[in-house]
Amino acid sequence: PTMDLLHYLLERPAVMNEGSIHTLFQFMNTAFPLKDDILLTQSSKYSAHEAPMFLSPVIQQFLSVGCHLTGAEVQDAWILLKEVIWSGAVPMCSDTSSVFERLGGQLGVCKCTPLCLTTTLFRR
C-alpha cells in the first residue's frame, strides 16, 4: 500500500506541494480512527481485513468538512489511501481531536480512544 501511494505521488509531481501533502496526512489521520464506523455500513459478510471501495455518505461528509475537501476529493483520497489507512500504517502526525469534537456529535461519528474499552463521542 505504501508503495502504491509513493508511485502515485511520483507519477503526479503536481500533487507534491506542501498544502496537498498536509491534506493527505490529515485525511489519513482523520480516516484511520473511523475504521469501525466505516465497517458498520458494510454487509455482515464483508471482510474486515479489506478496505471497502466506497464510504458511506456520513463518513464522506465528515471527512469532507473535517479535512476541507470536496466530496469528489474525499472519494479520490479514499481510493488513493484506503489500503494505507486500512493497514494501520498511518504516520500519526496531526491531532484530529478538534475535528471529532466539532463534527462528531453532529454527524454521529465517534473516535475510539486507546485508553477506554468503549467508543465515546467527543462533544463541546
PDB file of N, CA and C in Angstrom:
ATOM      1  N   PRO A   1       0.798  -1.212   0.000  1.00  0.00           N
ATOM      2  CA  PRO A   1       0.000   0.000   0.000  1.00  0.00           C
ATOM      3  C   PRO A   1       0.837   1.272   0.000  1.00  0.00           C
ATOM      4  N   THR A   2       1.889   1.302   0.826  1.00  0.00           N
ATOM      5  CA  THR A   2       2.725   2.494   0.871  1.00  0.00           C
ATOM      6  C   THR A   2       3.413   2.706  -0.461  1.00  0.00           C
ATOM      7  N   MET A   3       3.831   1.630  -1.104  1.00  0.00           N
ATOM      8  CA  MET A   3       4.491   1.760  -2.404  1.00  0.00           C
ATOM      9  C   MET A   3       3.520   2.283  -3.455  1.00  0.00           C
ATOM     10  N   ASP A   4       2.247   1.882  -3.390  1.00  0.00           N
ATOM     11  CA  ASP A   4       1.251   2.408  -4.318  1.00  0.00           C
ATOM     12  C   ASP A   4       1.118   3.912  -4.157  1.00  0.00           C
ATOM     13  N   LEU A   5       1.101   4.376  -2.921  1.00  0.00           N
ATOM     14  CA  LEU A   5       0.998   5.804  -2.647  1.00  0.00           C
ATOM     15  C   LEU A   5       2.221   6.533  -3.181  1.00  0.00           C
ATOM     16  N   LEU A   6       3.397   6.005  -2.909  1.00  0.00           N
ATOM     17  CA  LEU A   6       4.621   6.639  -3.400  1.00  0.00           C
ATOM     18  C   LEU A   6       4.658   6.659  -4.918  1.00  0.00           C
ATOM     19  N   HIS A   7       4.257   5.564  -5.541  1.00  0.00           N
ATOM     20  CA  HIS A   7       4.213   5.504  -7.002  1.00  0.00           C
ATOM     21  C   HIS A   7       3.261   6.566  -7.548  1.00  0.00           C
ATOM     22  N   TYR A   8       2.096   6.680  -6.940  1.00  0.00           N
ATOM     23  CA  TYR A   8       1.112   7.675  -7.371  1.00  0.00           C
ATOM     24  C   TYR A   8       1.700   9.081  -7.272  1.00  0.00           C
ATOM     25  N   LEU A   9       2.338   9.380  -6.152  1.00  0.00           N
ATOM     26  CA  LEU A   9       2.896  10.716  -5.953  1.00  0.00           C
ATOM     27  C   LEU A   9       4.049  11.000  -6.907  1.00  0.00           C
ATOM     28  N   LEU A  10       4.847   9.993  -7.203  1.00  0.00           N
ATOM     29  CA  LEU A  10       5.942  10.181  -8.158  1.00  0.00           C
ATOM     30  C   LEU A  10       5.427  10.405  -9.574  1.00  0.00           C
ATOM     31  N   GLU A  11       4.332   9.754  -9.919  1.00  0.00           N
ATOM     32  CA  GLU A  11       3.749   9.900 -11.253  1.00  0.00           C
ATOM     33  C   GLU A  11       3.024  11.232 -11.437  1.00  0.00           C
ATOM     34  N   ARG A  12       2.681  11.877 -10.349  1.00  0.00           N
ATOM     35  CA  ARG A  12       1.925  13.137 -10.417  1.00  0.00           C
ATOM     36  C   ARG A  12       2.638  14.202  -9.591  1.00  0.00           C
ATOM     37  N   PRO A  13       3.731  14.758 -10.123  1.00  0.00           N
ATOM     38  CA  PRO A  13       4.505  15.730  -9.340  1.00  0.00           C
ATOM     39  C   PRO A  13       3.713  16.975  -8.954  1.00  0.00           C
ATOM     40  N   ALA A  14       2.660  17.301  -9.699  1.00  0.00           N
ATOM     41  CA  ALA A  14       1.854  18.480  -9.364  1.00  0.00           C
ATOM     42  C   ALA A  14       1.160  18.314  -8.012  1.00  0.00           C
ATOM     43  N   VAL A  15       0.958  17.077  -7.594  1.00  0.00           N
ATOM     44  CA  VAL A  15       0.318  16.808  -6.306  1.00  0.00           C
ATOM     45  C   VAL A  15       1.270  17.138  -5.156  1.00  0.00           C
ATOM     46  N   MET A  16       2.546  17.104  -5.456  1.00  0.00           N
ATOM     47  CA  MET A  16       3.560  17.280  -4.426  1.00  0.00           C
ATOM     48  C   MET A  16       3.765  18.755  -4.085  1.00  0.00           C
ATOM     49  N   ASN A  17       2.944  19.280  -3.229  1.00  0.00           N
ATOM     50  CA  ASN A  17       3.189  20.602  -2.667  1.00  0.00           C
ATOM     51  C   ASN A  17       2.843  20.536  -1.189  1.00  0.00           C
ATOM     52  N   GLU A  18       3.275  21.531  -0.456  1.00  0.00           N
ATOM     53  CA  GLU A  18       3.121  21.487   0.999  1.00  0.00           C
ATOM     54  C   GLU A  18       1.664  21.339   1.431  1.00  0.00           C
ATOM     55  N   GLY A  19       0.775  22.065   0.782  1.00  0.00           N
ATOM     56  CA  GLY A  19      -0.640  22.002   1.153  1.00  0.00           C
ATOM     57  C   GLY A  19      -1.248  20.642   0.911  1.00  0.00           C
ATOM     58  N   SER A  20      -0.963  20.047  -0.233  1.00  0.00           N
ATOM     59  CA  SER A  20      -1.579  18.761  -0.550  1.00  0.00           C
ATOM     60  C   SER A  20      -1.005  17.633   0.300  1.00  0.00           C
ATOM     61  N   ILE A  21       0.277  17.684   0.591  1.00  0.00           N
ATOM     62  CA  ILE A  21       0.878  16.663   1.451  1.00  0.00           C
ATOM     63  C   ILE A  21       0.264  16.754   2.849  1.00  0.00           C
ATOM     64  N   HIS A  22       0.119  17.961   3.357  1.00  0.00           N
ATOM     65  CA  HIS A  22      -0.523  18.143   4.666  1.00  0.00           C
ATOM     66  C   HIS A  22      -1.949  17.589   4.640  1.00  0.00           C
ATOM     67  N   THR A  23      -2.678  17.880   3.572  1.00  0.00           N
ATOM     68  CA  THR A  23      -4.059  17.412   3.444  1.00  0.00           C
ATOM     69  C   THR A  23      -4.122  15.891   3.400  1.00  0.00           C
ATOM     70  N   LEU A  24      -3.198  15.250   2.674  1.00  0.00           N
ATOM     71  CA  LEU A  24      -3.170  13.783   2.609  1.00  0.00           C
ATOM     72  C   LEU A  24      -2.940  13.177   3.994  1.00  0.00           C
ATOM     73  N   PHE A  25      -2.000  13.742   4.746  1.00  0.00           N
ATOM     74  CA  PHE A  25      -1.739  13.229   6.087  1.00  0.00           C
ATOM     75  C   PHE A  25      -2.914  13.505   7.019  1.00  0.00           C
ATOM     76  N   GLN A  26      -3.528  14.676   6.884  1.00  0.00           N
ATOM     77  CA  GLN A  26      -4.708  14.985   7.692  1.00  0.00           C
ATOM     78  C   GLN A  26      -5.833  14.000   7.373  1.00  0.00           C
ATOM     79  N   PHE A  27      -6.013  13.699   6.096  1.00  0.00           N
ATOM     80  CA  PHE A  27      -7.042  12.743   5.687  1.00  0.00           C
ATOM     81  C   PHE A  27      -6.780  11.373   6.307  1.00  0.00           C
ATOM     82  N   MET A  28      -5.539  10.895   6.210  1.00  0.00           N
ATOM     83  CA  MET A  28      -5.207   9.583   6.776  1.00  0.00           C
ATOM     84  C   MET A  28      -5.431   9.560   8.281  1.00  0.00           C
ATOM     85  N   ASN A  29      -4.997  10.619   8.969  1.00  0.00           N
ATOM     86  CA  ASN A  29      -5.124  10.682  10.422  1.00  0.00           C
ATOM     87  C   ASN A  29      -6.570  10.815  10.870  1.00  0.00           C
ATOM     88  N   THR A  30      -7.412  11.404  10.050  1.00  0.00           N
ATOM     89  CA  THR A  30      -8.828  11.544  10.388  1.00  0.00           C
ATOM     90  C   THR A  30      -9.597  10.273  10.042  1.00  0.00           C
ATOM     91  N   ALA A  31      -9.256   9.643   8.935  1.00  0.00           N
ATOM     92  CA  ALA A  31      -9.976   8.444   8.488  1.00  0.00           C
ATOM     93  C   ALA A  31      -9.612   7.203   9.300  1.00  0.00           C
ATOM     94  N   PHE A  32      -8.372   7.087   9.743  1.00  0.00           N
ATOM     95  CA  PHE A  32      -7.936   5.869  10.428  1.00  0.00           C
ATOM     96  C   PHE A  32      -8.788   5.524  11.654  1.00  0.00           C
ATOM     97  N   PRO A  33      -9.100   6.478  12.543  1.00  0.00           N
ATOM     98  CA  PRO A  33      -9.928   6.119  13.703  1.00  0.00           C
ATOM     99  C   PRO A  33     -11.368   5.747  13.346  1.00  0.00           C
ATOM    100  N   LEU A  34     -11.767   5.975  12.103  1.00  0.00           N
ATOM    101  CA  LEU A  34     -13.141   5.699  11.681  1.00  0.00           C
ATOM    102  C   LEU A  34     -13.335   4.284  11.145  1.00  0.00           C
ATOM    103  N   LYS A  35     -12.319   3.457  11.245  1.00  0.00           N
ATOM    104  CA  LYS A  35     -12.382   2.118  10.657  1.00  0.00           C
ATOM    105  C   LYS A  35     -13.627   1.348  11.108  1.00  0.00           C
ATOM    106  N   ASP A  36     -13.916   1.366  12.396  1.00  0.00           N
ATOM    107  CA  ASP A  36     -15.101   0.653  12.894  1.00  0.00           C
ATOM    108  C   ASP A  36     -16.386   1.255  12.340  1.00  0.00           C
ATOM    109  N   ASP A  37     -16.443   2.585  12.277  1.00  0.00           N
ATOM    110  CA  ASP A  37     -17.631   3.249  11.731  1.00  0.00           C
ATOM    111  C   ASP A  37     -17.811   2.917  10.252  1.00  0.00           C
ATOM    112  N   ILE A  38     -16.712   2.839   9.538  1.00  0.00           N
ATOM    113  CA  ILE A  38     -16.761   2.500   8.112  1.00  0.00           C
ATOM    114  C   ILE A  38     -17.271   1.069   7.938  1.00  0.00           C
ATOM    115  N   LEU A  39     -16.806   0.166   8.793  1.00  0.00           N
ATOM    116  CA  LEU A  39     -17.240  -1.235   8.710  1.00  0.00           C
ATOM    117  C   LEU A  39     -18.724  -1.410   9.015  1.00  0.00           C
ATOM    118  N   LEU A  40     -19.268  -0.574   9.882  1.00  0.00           N
ATOM    119  CA  LEU A  40     -20.682  -0.696  10.254  1.00  0.00           C
ATOM    120  C   LEU A  40     -21.624  -0.556   9.066  1.00  0.00           C
ATOM    121  N   THR A  41     -21.192   0.127   8.032  1.00  0.00           N
ATOM    122  CA  THR A  41     -22.065   0.342   6.872  1.00  0.00           C
ATOM    123  C   THR A  41     -21.918  -0.750   5.815  1.00  0.00           C
ATOM    124  N   GLN A  42     -21.048  -1.715   6.066  1.00  0.00           N
ATOM    125  CA  GLN A  42     -20.814  -2.786   5.100  1.00  0.00           C
ATOM    126  C   GLN A  42     -21.712  -3.983   5.408  1.00  0.00           C
ATOM    127  N   SER A  43     -21.862  -4.834   4.437  1.00  0.00           N
ATOM    128  CA  SER A  43     -22.606  -6.077   4.615  1.00  0.00           C
ATOM    129  C   SER A  43     -21.961  -6.898   5.727  1.00  0.00           C
ATOM    130  N   SER A  44     -22.760  -7.678   6.437  1.00  0.00           N
ATOM    131  CA  SER A  44     -22.224  -8.506   7.522  1.00  0.00           C
ATOM    132  C   SER A  44     -21.244  -9.555   7.004  1.00  0.00           C
ATOM    133  N   LYS A  45     -21.291  -9.847   5.727  1.00  0.00           N
ATOM    134  CA  LYS A  45     -20.382 -10.828   5.131  1.00  0.00           C
ATOM    135  C   LYS A  45     -19.083 -10.189   4.648  1.00  0.00           C
ATOM    136  N   TYR A  46     -18.979  -8.868   4.772  1.00  0.00           N
ATOM    137  CA  TYR A  46     -17.795  -8.158   4.287  1.00  0.00           C
ATOM    138  C   TYR A  46     -16.606  -8.465   5.193  1.00  0.00           C
ATOM    139  N   SER A  47     -15.448  -8.703   4.612  1.00  0.00           N
ATOM    140  CA  SER A  47     -14.242  -8.996   5.381  1.00  0.00           C
ATOM    141  C   SER A  47     -13.688  -7.709   5.997  1.00  0.00           C
ATOM    142  N   ALA A  48     -13.460  -7.752   7.288  1.00  0.00           N
ATOM    143  CA  ALA A  48     -12.904  -6.588   7.986  1.00  0.00           C
ATOM    144  C   ALA A  48     -11.448  -6.355   7.627  1.00  0.00           C
ATOM    145  N   HIS A  49     -10.850  -7.294   6.912  1.00  0.00           N
ATOM    146  CA  HIS A  49      -9.444  -7.178   6.542  1.00  0.00           C
ATOM    147  C   HIS A  49      -9.249  -6.437   5.225  1.00  0.00           C
ATOM    148  N   GLU A  50     -10.323  -6.140   4.526  1.00  0.00           N
ATOM    149  CA  GLU A  50     -10.243  -5.430   3.250  1.00  0.00           C
ATOM    150  C   GLU A  50     -10.860  -4.050   3.380  1.00  0.00           C
ATOM    151  N   ALA A  51     -10.183  -3.069   2.821  1.00  0.00           N
ATOM    152  CA  ALA A  51     -10.738  -1.712   2.814  1.00  0.00           C
ATOM    153  C   ALA A  51     -11.907  -1.659   1.834  1.00  0.00           C
ATOM    154  N   PRO A  52     -13.034  -1.113   2.256  1.00  0.00           N
ATOM    155  CA  PRO A  52     -14.178  -1.009   1.342  1.00  0.00           C
ATOM    156  C   PRO A  52     -13.862  -0.083   0.165  1.00  0.00           C
ATOM    157  N   MET A  53     -14.514  -0.338  -0.941  1.00  0.00           N
ATOM    158  CA  MET A  53     -14.311   0.507  -2.121  1.00  0.00           C
ATOM    159  C   MET A  53     -14.897   1.900  -1.911  1.00  0.00           C
ATOM    160  N   PHE A  54     -16.012   1.982  -1.186  1.00  0.00           N
ATOM    161  CA  PHE A  54     -16.714   3.252  -1.049  1.00  0.00           C
ATOM    162  C   PHE A  54     -17.001   3.542   0.416  1.00  0.00           C
ATOM    163  N   LEU A  55     -17.159   4.814   0.708  1.00  0.00           N
ATOM    164  CA  LEU A  55     -17.502   5.262   2.053  1.00  0.00           C
ATOM    165  C   LEU A  55     -18.970   5.651   2.111  1.00  0.00           C
ATOM    166  N   SER A  56     -19.560   5.531   3.284  1.00  0.00           N
ATOM    167  CA  SER A  56     -20.955   5.940   3.452  1.00  0.00           C
ATOM    168  C   SER A  56     -21.050   7.462   3.310  1.00  0.00           C
ATOM    169  N   PRO A  57     -22.227   7.966   2.984  1.00  0.00           N
ATOM    170  CA  PRO A  57     -22.398   9.419   2.852  1.00  0.00           C
ATOM    171  C   PRO A  57     -22.023  10.193   4.122  1.00  0.00           C
ATOM    172  N   VAL A  58     -22.318   9.645   5.296  1.00  0.00           N
ATOM    173  CA  VAL A  58     -21.985  10.339   6.547  1.00  0.00           C
ATOM    174  C   VAL A  58     -20.475  10.425   6.731  1.00  0.00           C
ATOM    175  N   ILE A  59     -19.774   9.331   6.479  1.00  0.00           N
ATOM    176  CA  ILE A  59     -18.314   9.332   6.602  1.00  0.00           C
ATOM    177  C   ILE A  59     -17.714  10.272   5.560  1.00  0.00           C
ATOM    178  N   GLN A  60     -18.238  10.254   4.347  1.00  0.00           N
ATOM    179  CA  GLN A  60     -17.753  11.179   3.316  1.00  0.00           C
ATOM    180  C   GLN A  60     -17.943  12.622   3.757  1.00  0.00           C
ATOM    181  N   GLN A  61     -19.113  12.930   4.305  1.00  0.00           N
ATOM    182  CA  GLN A  61     -19.387  14.292   4.746  1.00  0.00           C
ATOM    183  C   GLN A  61     -18.451  14.688   5.886  1.00  0.00           C
ATOM    184  N   PHE A  62     -18.252  13.783   6.836  1.00  0.00           N
ATOM    185  CA  PHE A  62     -17.359  14.057   7.962  1.00  0.00           C
ATOM    186  C   PHE A  62     -15.947  14.358   7.461  1.00  0.00           C
ATOM    187  N   LEU A  63     -15.430  13.525   6.569  1.00  0.00           N
ATOM    188  CA  LEU A  63     -14.081  13.731   6.045  1.00  0.00           C
ATOM    189  C   LEU A  63     -14.004  14.979   5.173  1.00  0.00           C
ATOM    190  N   SER A  64     -15.063  15.257   4.451  1.00  0.00           N
ATOM    191  CA  SER A  64     -15.098  16.446   3.601  1.00  0.00           C
ATOM    192  C   SER A  64     -14.988  17.717   4.440  1.00  0.00           C
ATOM    193  N   VAL A  65     -15.834  17.827   5.446  1.00  0.00           N
ATOM    194  CA  VAL A  65     -15.823  19.023   6.292  1.00  0.00           C
ATOM    195  C   VAL A  65     -14.562  19.054   7.155  1.00  0.00           C
ATOM    196  N   GLY A  66     -14.217  17.922   7.748  1.00  0.00           N
ATOM    197  CA  GLY A  66     -13.072  17.858   8.645  1.00  0.00           C
ATOM    198  C   GLY A  66     -11.733  18.095   7.978  1.00  0.00           C
ATOM    199  N   CYS A  67     -11.616  17.712   6.721  1.00  0.00           N
ATOM    200  CA  CYS A  67     -10.345  17.857   6.001  1.00  0.00           C
ATOM    201  C   CYS A  67     -10.394  18.963   4.950  1.00  0.00           C
ATOM    202  N   HIS A  68     -11.501  19.682   4.892  1.00  0.00           N
ATOM    203  CA  HIS A  68     -11.664  20.780   3.925  1.00  0.00           C
ATOM    204  C   HIS A  68     -11.482  20.292   2.490  1.00  0.00           C
ATOM    205  N   LEU A  69     -12.190  19.223   2.163  1.00  0.00           N
ATOM    206  CA  LEU A  69     -12.144  18.635   0.824  1.00  0.00           C
ATOM    207  C   LEU A  69     -13.555  18.601   0.244  1.00  0.00           C
ATOM    208  N   THR A  70     -13.638  18.583  -1.071  1.00  0.00           N
ATOM    209  CA  THR A  70     -14.935  18.380  -1.714  1.00  0.00           C
ATOM    210  C   THR A  70     -15.288  16.898  -1.616  1.00  0.00           C
ATOM    211  N   GLY A  71     -16.531  16.568  -1.896  1.00  0.00           N
ATOM    212  CA  GLY A  71     -16.938  15.168  -1.898  1.00  0.00           C
ATOM    213  C   GLY A  71     -16.130  14.339  -2.880  1.00  0.00           C
ATOM    214  N   ALA A  72     -15.874  14.904  -4.059  1.00  0.00           N
ATOM    215  CA  ALA A  72     -15.077  14.197  -5.074  1.00  0.00           C
ATOM    216  C   ALA A  72     -13.641  14.002  -4.598  1.00  0.00           C
ATOM    217  N   GLU A  73     -13.090  14.996  -3.908  1.00  0.00           N
ATOM    218  CA  GLU A  73     -11.723  14.868  -3.394  1.00  0.00           C
ATOM    219  C   GLU A  73     -11.646  13.810  -2.295  1.00  0.00           C
ATOM    220  N   VAL A  74     -12.692  13.696  -1.488  1.00  0.00           N
ATOM    221  CA  VAL A  74     -12.731  12.645  -0.462  1.00  0.00           C
ATOM    222  C   VAL A  74     -12.733  11.279  -1.136  1.00  0.00           C
ATOM    223  N   GLN A  75     -13.543  11.120  -2.167  1.00  0.00           N
ATOM    224  CA  GLN A  75     -13.586   9.840  -2.889  1.00  0.00           C
ATOM    225  C   GLN A  75     -12.225   9.516  -3.499  1.00  0.00           C
ATOM    226  N   ASP A  76     -11.592  10.514  -4.125  1.00  0.00           N
ATOM    227  CA  ASP A  76     -10.271  10.298  -4.726  1.00  0.00           C
ATOM    228  C   ASP A  76      -9.234   9.953  -3.661  1.00  0.00           C
ATOM    229  N   ALA A  77      -9.260  10.688  -2.550  1.00  0.00           N
ATOM    230  CA  ALA A  77      -8.303  10.427  -1.476  1.00  0.00           C
ATOM    231  C   ALA A  77      -8.516   9.031  -0.891  1.00  0.00           C
ATOM    232  N   TRP A  78      -9.782   8.612  -0.750  1.00  0.00           N
ATOM    233  CA  TRP A  78     -10.063   7.275  -0.223  1.00  0.00           C
ATOM    234  C   TRP A  78      -9.525   6.211  -1.168  1.00  0.00           C
ATOM    235  N   ILE A  79      -9.781   6.363  -2.446  1.00  0.00           N
ATOM    236  CA  ILE A  79      -9.291   5.385  -3.422  1.00  0.00           C
ATOM    237  C   ILE A  79      -7.767   5.312  -3.369  1.00  0.00           C
ATOM    238  N   LEU A  80      -7.116   6.450  -3.245  1.00  0.00           N
ATOM    239  CA  LEU A  80      -5.661   6.505  -3.208  1.00  0.00           C
ATOM    240  C   LEU A  80      -5.090   5.943  -1.906  1.00  0.00           C
ATOM    241  N   LEU A  81      -5.710   6.252  -0.788  1.00  0.00           N
ATOM    242  CA  LEU A  81      -5.106   5.981   0.517  1.00  0.00           C
ATOM    243  C   LEU A  81      -5.760   4.864   1.325  1.00  0.00           C
ATOM    244  N   LYS A  82      -6.816   4.266   0.814  1.00  0.00           N
ATOM    245  CA  LYS A  82      -7.577   3.307   1.626  1.00  0.00           C
ATOM    246  C   LYS A  82      -6.741   2.132   2.117  1.00  0.00           C
ATOM    247  N   GLU A  83      -5.849   1.614   1.306  1.00  0.00           N
ATOM    248  CA  GLU A  83      -5.036   0.461   1.726  1.00  0.00           C
ATOM    249  C   GLU A  83      -4.050   0.853   2.823  1.00  0.00           C
ATOM    250  N   VAL A  84      -3.481   2.048   2.707  1.00  0.00           N
ATOM    251  CA  VAL A  84      -2.563   2.538   3.742  1.00  0.00           C
ATOM    252  C   VAL A  84      -3.328   2.733   5.046  1.00  0.00           C
ATOM    253  N   ILE A  85      -4.491   3.367   4.950  1.00  0.00           N
ATOM    254  CA  ILE A  85      -5.319   3.617   6.134  1.00  0.00           C
ATOM    255  C   ILE A  85      -5.753   2.299   6.760  1.00  0.00           C
ATOM    256  N   TRP A  86      -6.215   1.368   5.943  1.00  0.00           N
ATOM    257  CA  TRP A  86      -6.747   0.097   6.458  1.00  0.00           C
ATOM    258  C   TRP A  86      -5.665  -0.753   7.095  1.00  0.00           C
ATOM    259  N   SER A  87      -4.458  -0.679   6.559  1.00  0.00           N
ATOM    260  CA  SER A  87      -3.363  -1.487   7.105  1.00  0.00           C
ATOM    261  C   SER A  87      -2.883  -0.967   8.457  1.00  0.00           C
ATOM    262  N   GLY A  88      -3.236   0.270   8.764  1.00  0.00           N
ATOM    263  CA  GLY A  88      -2.787   0.859  10.024  1.00  0.00           C
ATOM    264  C   GLY A  88      -1.427   1.504   9.931  1.00  0.00           C
ATOM    265  N   ALA A  89      -0.850   1.533   8.734  1.00  0.00           N
ATOM    266  CA  ALA A  89       0.473   2.123   8.538  1.00  0.00           C
ATOM    267  C   ALA A  89       0.363   3.634   8.336  1.00  0.00           C
ATOM    268  N   VAL A  90      -0.395   4.268   9.211  1.00  0.00           N
ATOM    269  CA  VAL A  90      -0.640   5.702   9.096  1.00  0.00           C
ATOM    270  C   VAL A  90       0.267   6.432  10.073  1.00  0.00           C
ATOM    271  N   PRO A  91       1.168   7.262   9.548  1.00  0.00           N
ATOM    272  CA  PRO A  91       2.011   8.041  10.456  1.00  0.00           C
ATOM    273  C   PRO A  91       1.157   9.085  11.171  1.00  0.00           C
ATOM    274  N   MET A  92       1.076   8.989  12.481  1.00  0.00           N
ATOM    275  CA  MET A  92       0.249   9.925  13.245  1.00  0.00           C
ATOM    276  C   MET A  92       1.012  11.231  13.435  1.00  0.00           C
ATOM    277  N   CYS A  93       0.723  12.173  12.572  1.00  0.00           N
ATOM    278  CA  CYS A  93       1.460  13.432  12.628  1.00  0.00           C
ATOM    279  C   CYS A  93       0.550  14.645  12.739  1.00  0.00           C
ATOM    280  N   SER A  94      -0.721  14.428  12.929  1.00  0.00           N
ATOM    281  CA  SER A  94      -1.595  15.573  13.179  1.00  0.00           C
ATOM    282  C   SER A  94      -2.674  15.155  14.164  1.00  0.00           C
ATOM    283  N   ASP A  95      -3.015  16.087  15.047  1.00  0.00           N
ATOM    284  CA  ASP A  95      -4.034  15.818  16.054  1.00  0.00           C
ATOM    285  C   ASP A  95      -5.396  16.092  15.441  1.00  0.00           C
ATOM    286  N   THR A  96      -6.239  15.089  15.412  1.00  0.00           N
ATOM    287  CA  THR A  96      -7.560  15.232  14.793  1.00  0.00           C
ATOM    288  C   THR A  96      -8.670  15.362  15.831  1.00  0.00           C
ATOM    289  N   SER A  97      -8.312  15.504  17.094  1.00  0.00           N
ATOM    290  CA  SER A  97      -9.326  15.585  18.150  1.00  0.00           C
ATOM    291  C   SER A  97     -10.308  16.722  17.922  1.00  0.00           C
ATOM    292  N   SER A  98      -9.808  17.867  17.452  1.00  0.00           N
ATOM    293  CA  SER A  98     -10.701  19.013  17.254  1.00  0.00           C
ATOM    294  C   SER A  98     -11.742  18.730  16.176  1.00  0.00           C
ATOM    295  N   VAL A  99     -11.378  17.951  15.162  1.00  0.00           N
ATOM    296  CA  VAL A  99     -12.334  17.594  14.111  1.00  0.00           C
ATOM    297  C   VAL A  99     -13.450  16.745  14.705  1.00  0.00           C
ATOM    298  N   PHE A 100     -13.085  15.778  15.530  1.00  0.00           N
ATOM    299  CA  PHE A 100     -14.088  14.913  16.152  1.00  0.00           C
ATOM    300  C   PHE A 100     -14.931  15.691  17.157  1.00  0.00           C
ATOM    301  N   GLU A 101     -14.317  16.611  17.894  1.00  0.00           N
ATOM    302  CA  GLU A 101     -15.062  17.431  18.851  1.00  0.00           C
ATOM    303  C   GLU A 101     -16.084  18.313  18.140  1.00  0.00           C
ATOM    304  N   ARG A 102     -15.665  18.906  17.035  1.00  0.00           N
ATOM    305  CA  ARG A 102     -16.510  19.856  16.314  1.00  0.00           C
ATOM    306  C   ARG A 102     -17.620  19.167  15.536  1.00  0.00           C
ATOM    307  N   LEU A 103     -17.327  18.035  14.902  1.00  0.00           N
ATOM    308  CA  LEU A 103     -18.270  17.417  13.973  1.00  0.00           C
ATOM    309  C   LEU A 103     -18.853  16.089  14.433  1.00  0.00           C
ATOM    310  N   GLY A 104     -18.186  15.424  15.339  1.00  0.00           N
ATOM    311  CA  GLY A 104     -18.599  14.073  15.727  1.00  0.00           C
ATOM    312  C   GLY A 104     -20.028  13.974  16.211  1.00  0.00           C
ATOM    313  N   GLY A 105     -20.411  14.838  17.132  1.00  0.00           N
ATOM    314  CA  GLY A 105     -21.767  14.804  17.671  1.00  0.00           C
ATOM    315  C   GLY A 105     -22.817  15.123  16.629  1.00  0.00           C
ATOM    316  N   GLN A 106     -22.506  16.087  15.752  1.00  0.00           N
ATOM    317  CA  GLN A 106     -23.446  16.487  14.704  1.00  0.00           C
ATOM    318  C   GLN A 106     -23.726  15.358  13.724  1.00  0.00           C
ATOM    319  N   LEU A 107     -22.679  14.623  13.366  1.00  0.00           N
ATOM    320  CA  LEU A 107     -22.806  13.599  12.328  1.00  0.00           C
ATOM    321  C   LEU A 107     -22.879  12.179  12.886  1.00  0.00           C
ATOM    322  N   GLY A 108     -22.781  12.036  14.200  1.00  0.00           N
ATOM    323  CA  GLY A 108     -22.865  10.706  14.794  1.00  0.00           C
ATOM    324  C   GLY A 108     -21.642   9.857  14.532  1.00  0.00           C
ATOM    325  N   VAL A 109     -20.494  10.499  14.413  1.00  0.00           N
ATOM    326  CA  VAL A 109     -19.235   9.798  14.150  1.00  0.00           C
ATOM    327  C   VAL A 109     -18.394   9.889  15.412  1.00  0.00           C
ATOM    328  N   CYS A 110     -17.827   8.764  15.818  1.00  0.00           N
ATOM    329  CA  CYS A 110     -17.069   8.761  17.061  1.00  0.00           C
ATOM    330  C   CYS A 110     -15.647   8.290  16.832  1.00  0.00           C
ATOM    331  N   LYS A 111     -14.830   8.601  17.805  1.00  0.00           N
ATOM    332  CA  LYS A 111     -13.431   8.200  17.773  1.00  0.00           C
ATOM    333  C   LYS A 111     -13.181   7.367  19.018  1.00  0.00           C
ATOM    334  N   CYS A 112     -12.683   6.172  18.834  1.00  0.00           N
ATOM    335  CA  CYS A 112     -12.386   5.310  19.975  1.00  0.00           C
ATOM    336  C   CYS A 112     -11.056   5.744  20.560  1.00  0.00           C
ATOM    337  N   THR A 113     -11.037   6.016  21.851  1.00  0.00           N
ATOM    338  CA  THR A 113      -9.797   6.416  22.494  1.00  0.00           C
ATOM    339  C   THR A 113      -9.040   5.167  22.923  1.00  0.00           C
ATOM    340  N   PRO A 114      -7.704   5.183  22.824  1.00  0.00           N
ATOM    341  CA  PRO A 114      -6.935   3.975  23.122  1.00  0.00           C
ATOM    342  C   PRO A 114      -6.981   3.557  24.586  1.00  0.00           C
ATOM    343  N   LEU A 115      -7.394   4.438  25.486  1.00  0.00           N
ATOM    344  CA  LEU A 115      -7.382   4.112  26.905  1.00  0.00           C
ATOM    345  C   LEU A 115      -8.729   3.649  27.435  1.00  0.00           C
ATOM    346  N   CYS A 116      -9.713   3.511  26.567  1.00  0.00           N
ATOM    347  CA  CYS A 116     -11.023   3.088  27.046  1.00  0.00           C
ATOM    348  C   CYS A 116     -11.492   1.850  26.295  1.00  0.00           C
ATOM    349  N   LEU A 117     -12.445   1.186  26.866  1.00  0.00           N
ATOM    350  CA  LEU A 117     -12.994  -0.006  26.231  1.00  0.00           C
ATOM    351  C   LEU A 117     -14.251   0.306  25.441  1.00  0.00           C
ATOM    352  N   THR A 118     -14.764   1.509  25.578  1.00  0.00           N
ATOM    353  CA  THR A 118     -15.969   1.890  24.855  1.00  0.00           C
ATOM    354  C   THR A 118     -15.662   3.016  23.898  1.00  0.00           C
ATOM    355  N   THR A 119     -16.488   3.138  22.895  1.00  0.00           N
ATOM    356  CA  THR A 119     -16.355   4.223  21.944  1.00  0.00           C
ATOM    357  C   THR A 119     -17.073   5.430  22.527  1.00  0.00           C
ATOM    358  N   THR A 120     -16.439   6.569  22.469  1.00  0.00           N
ATOM    359  CA  THR A 120     -17.027   7.768  23.045  1.00  0.00           C
ATOM    360  C   THR A 120     -17.180   8.845  21.996  1.00  0.00           C
ATOM    361  N   LEU A 121     -18.200   9.643  22.172  1.00  0.00           N
ATOM    362  CA  LEU A 121     -18.393  10.809  21.323  1.00  0.00           C
ATOM    363  C   LEU A 121     -17.790  12.003  22.033  1.00  0.00           C
ATOM    364  N   PHE A 122     -17.016  12.754  21.317  1.00  0.00           N
ATOM    365  CA  PHE A 122     -16.482  13.986  21.869  1.00  0.00           C
ATOM    366  C   PHE A 122     -17.448  15.101  21.512  1.00  0.00           C
ATOM    367  N   ARG A 123     -17.914  15.807  22.498  1.00  0.00           N
ATOM    368  CA  ARG A 123     -18.845  16.911  22.273  1.00  0.00           C
ATOM    369  C   ARG A 123     -18.303  18.159  22.938  1.00  0.00           C
ATOM    370  N   ARG A 124     -18.731  19.295  22.417  1.00  0.00           N
ATOM    371  CA  ARG A 124     -18.357  20.576  23.031  1.00  0.00           C
ATOM    372  C   ARG A 124     -19.219  20.853  24.207  1.00  0.00           C
TER     373      ARG A 124
END
